């Protein structure tokens, strides 16, 4: 229990004990002035009743405050849930945008890679053709030299 609850309970018990122990004095009739008129009534019971009425008013006020705080907390929780939902949607949107961006980057990389591979293949084809042309020139040159040597040998054999 809270300290406040204990103090209030002890105070209520003390008032009840004093009222029970002094019931004769509380119920003794006395002349009570109401400002405009005077009446004969037990002043102690009037004061005890007013104390009980004041306690009931405070109790009603506490219930009112508690219910208003609960309603405010419920409203605040609903607002927080709505804000959380908005934040989740925004985060999902950012993830979607990031995924789209990464896919675009990946497509650009793949296009650049394909372009690079095509350029490399074209360069290799060009080098292969150049190598074939060079090999053919070399073959032709060797064949020409062999032919020239054969001609020389034939001429020498004819001369000899």
Protein backbone atom coordinates (compact mmCIF):
# COMPACT_ATOMS: atom_id res chain seq x y z
CA UNK A 1 0.00 0.00 0.00
CA UNK A 2 1.03 3.57 -0.52
CA UNK A 3 1.87 5.83 2.39
CA UNK A 4 -1.05 8.13 1.49
CA UNK A 5 -3.54 5.27 1.66
CA UNK A 6 -2.22 4.23 5.06
CA UNK A 7 -2.43 7.79 6.43
CA UNK A 8 -5.99 8.25 5.11
CA UNK A 9 -7.06 4.89 6.55
CA UNK A 10 -5.59 5.73 9.96
CA UNK A 11 -7.34 9.13 9.93
CA UNK A 12 -10.72 7.56 9.06
CA UNK A 13 -10.27 4.93 11.79
CA UNK A 14 -9.34 7.65 14.33
CA UNK A 15 -12.47 9.68 13.45
CA UNK A 16 -14.65 6.54 13.70
CA UNK A 17 -13.07 5.57 17.04
CA UNK A 18 -13.52 9.07 18.48
CA UNK A 19 -17.14 9.15 17.27
CA UNK A 20 -17.85 5.74 18.82
CA UNK A 21 -16.15 6.58 22.13
CA UNK A 22 -17.82 9.99 22.40
CA UNK A 23 -21.24 9.11 20.95
CA UNK A 24 -23.08 10.57 23.93
CA UNK A 25 -21.33 13.94 23.54
CA UNK A 26 -21.87 13.92 19.76
CA UNK A 27 -25.58 13.21 20.04
CA UNK A 28 -26.27 15.71 22.85
CA UNK A 29 -28.63 18.45 21.61
CA UNK A 30 -27.27 21.96 21.49
CA UNK A 31 -28.38 25.33 20.15
CA UNK A 32 -26.98 25.62 16.61
CA UNK A 33 -27.00 28.99 14.84
CA UNK A 34 -27.53 28.86 11.08
CA UNK A 35 -26.90 32.58 10.62
CA UNK A 36 -30.56 33.46 10.02
CA UNK A 37 -32.12 31.23 12.64
CA UNK A 38 -31.18 29.02 15.56
CA UNK A 39 -32.21 25.39 15.96
CA UNK A 40 -31.84 22.69 18.60
CA UNK A 41 -29.79 19.82 17.10
CA UNK A 42 -26.83 17.60 18.03
CA UNK A 43 -23.83 19.68 16.90
CA UNK A 44 -21.46 16.70 16.98
CA UNK A 45 -23.64 14.70 14.56
CA UNK A 46 -23.93 17.70 12.24
CA UNK A 47 -20.13 18.11 12.20
CA UNK A 48 -19.66 14.34 11.72
CA UNK A 49 -22.16 14.39 8.82
CA UNK A 50 -20.40 17.37 7.23
CA UNK A 51 -17.09 15.51 7.58
CA UNK A 52 -18.58 12.45 5.88
CA UNK A 53 -20.05 14.67 3.13
CA UNK A 54 -16.64 16.30 2.61
CA UNK A 55 -15.05 12.84 2.38
CA UNK A 56 -17.64 11.76 -0.19
CA UNK A 57 -16.99 14.91 -2.26
CA UNK A 58 -13.24 14.28 -2.17
CA UNK A 59 -13.82 10.62 -3.09
CA UNK A 60 -15.98 11.66 -6.07
CA UNK A 61 -13.29 14.16 -7.10
CA UNK A 62 -10.61 11.43 -6.94
CA UNK A 63 -12.76 9.11 -9.10
CA UNK A 64 -13.32 11.96 -11.58
CA UNK A 65 -9.57 12.68 -11.78
CA UNK A 66 -8.77 8.98 -12.13
CA UNK A 67 -11.28 8.50 -14.94
CA UNK A 68 -10.07 11.64 -16.78
CA UNK A 69 -6.47 10.44 -16.49
CA UNK A 70 -7.48 7.01 -17.80
CA UNK A 71 -9.32 8.59 -20.75
CA UNK A 72 -6.33 10.81 -21.48
CA UNK A 73 -4.00 7.80 -21.30
CA UNK A 74 -6.25 5.88 -23.69
CA UNK A 75 -6.29 8.83 -26.12
CA UNK A 76 -2.52 9.15 -25.82
CA UNK A 77 -2.08 5.41 -26.50
CA UNK A 78 -4.27 5.68 -29.61
CA UNK A 79 -2.22 8.64 -30.85
CA UNK A 80 1.00 6.77 -30.15
CA UNK A 81 -0.30 3.74 -32.07
CA UNK A 82 -1.24 5.99 -35.00
CA UNK A 83 2.21 7.64 -34.92
CA UNK A 84 3.88 4.23 -34.69
CA UNK A 85 1.86 3.06 -37.70
CA UNK A 86 2.88 6.17 -39.65
CA UNK A 87 6.51 5.60 -38.72
CA UNK A 88 6.27 1.94 -39.80
CA UNK A 89 4.74 2.98 -43.13
CA UNK A 90 7.45 5.61 -43.64
CA UNK A 91 10.13 3.05 -42.80
CA UNK A 92 8.58 0.55 -45.20
CA UNK A 93 8.51 3.27 -47.86
CA UNK A 94 12.18 4.02 -47.24
CA UNK A 95 12.99 0.31 -47.52
CA UNK A 96 11.07 0.15 -50.79
CA UNK A 97 12.93 3.18 -52.11
CA UNK A 98 16.23 1.67 -50.99
CA UNK A 99 15.37 -1.63 -52.71
CA UNK A 100 14.46 0.23 -55.92
CA UNK A 101 17.69 2.25 -55.72
CA UNK A 102 19.78 -0.88 -55.13
CA UNK A 103 18.08 -2.67 -58.02
CA UNK A 104 18.79 0.33 -60.28
CA UNK A 105 22.42 0.34 -59.12
CA UNK A 106 22.65 -3.40 -59.76
CA UNK A 107 21.19 -2.98 -63.24
CA UNK A 108 23.67 -0.17 -63.96
CA UNK A 109 26.52 -2.37 -62.73
CA UNK A 110 25.30 -5.28 -64.85
CA UNK A 111 24.97 -3.01 -67.91
CA UNK A 112 28.45 -1.63 -67.32
CA UNK A 113 29.78 -5.17 -66.86
CA UNK A 114 28.08 -6.32 -70.08
CA UNK A 115 29.45 -3.28 -71.90
CA UNK A 116 32.91 -3.97 -70.53
CA UNK A 117 32.63 -7.65 -71.50
CA UNK A 118 31.47 -6.67 -75.01
CA UNK A 119 34.35 -4.20 -75.34
CA UNK A 120 36.79 -6.85 -74.13
CA UNK A 121 35.36 -9.42 -76.56
CA UNK A 122 35.61 -6.89 -79.43
CA UNK A 123 39.19 -6.09 -78.47
CA UNK A 124 40.03 -9.81 -78.28
CA UNK A 125 38.43 -10.36 -81.72
CA UNK A 126 40.45 -7.45 -83.10
CA UNK A 127 43.66 -8.80 -81.58
CA UNK A 128 42.86 -12.31 -82.87
CA UNK A 129 42.31 -10.95 -86.39
CA UNK A 130 45.51 -8.95 -86.16
CA UNK A 131 47.35 -12.05 -84.93
CA UNK A 132 45.88 -14.15 -87.74
CA UNK A 133 46.88 -11.49 -90.30
CA UNK A 134 50.35 -11.35 -88.80
CA UNK A 135 50.63 -15.15 -88.81
CA UNK A 136 49.46 -15.22 -92.43
CA UNK A 137 52.02 -12.53 -93.35
CA UNK A 138 54.67 -14.47 -91.51
CA UNK A 139 53.63 -17.69 -93.32
CA UNK A 140 53.67 -15.86 -96.63
CA UNK A 141 57.07 -14.39 -95.86
CA UNK A 142 58.49 -17.78 -94.86
CA UNK A 143 56.93 -19.39 -97.94
CA UNK A 144 58.42 -16.65 -100.12
CA UNK A 145 61.84 -17.16 -98.59
CA UNK A 146 61.60 -20.92 -99.01
CA UNK A 147 60.50 -20.44 -102.60
CA UNK A 148 63.44 -18.09 -103.20
CA UNK A 149 65.84 -20.57 -101.64
CA UNK A 150 64.41 -23.37 -103.77
CA UNK A 151 64.84 -21.20 -106.88
CA UNK A 152 68.45 -20.53 -105.94
CA UNK A 153 69.08 -24.19 -105.35
CA UNK A 154 67.53 -25.11 -108.67
CA UNK A 155 69.59 -22.48 -110.46
CA UNK A 156 72.71 -23.74 -108.83
CA UNK A 157 71.92 -27.27 -109.77
CA UNK A 158 71.26 -26.19 -113.32
CA UNK A 159 74.49 -24.25 -113.44
CA UNK A 160 76.51 -26.96 -111.96
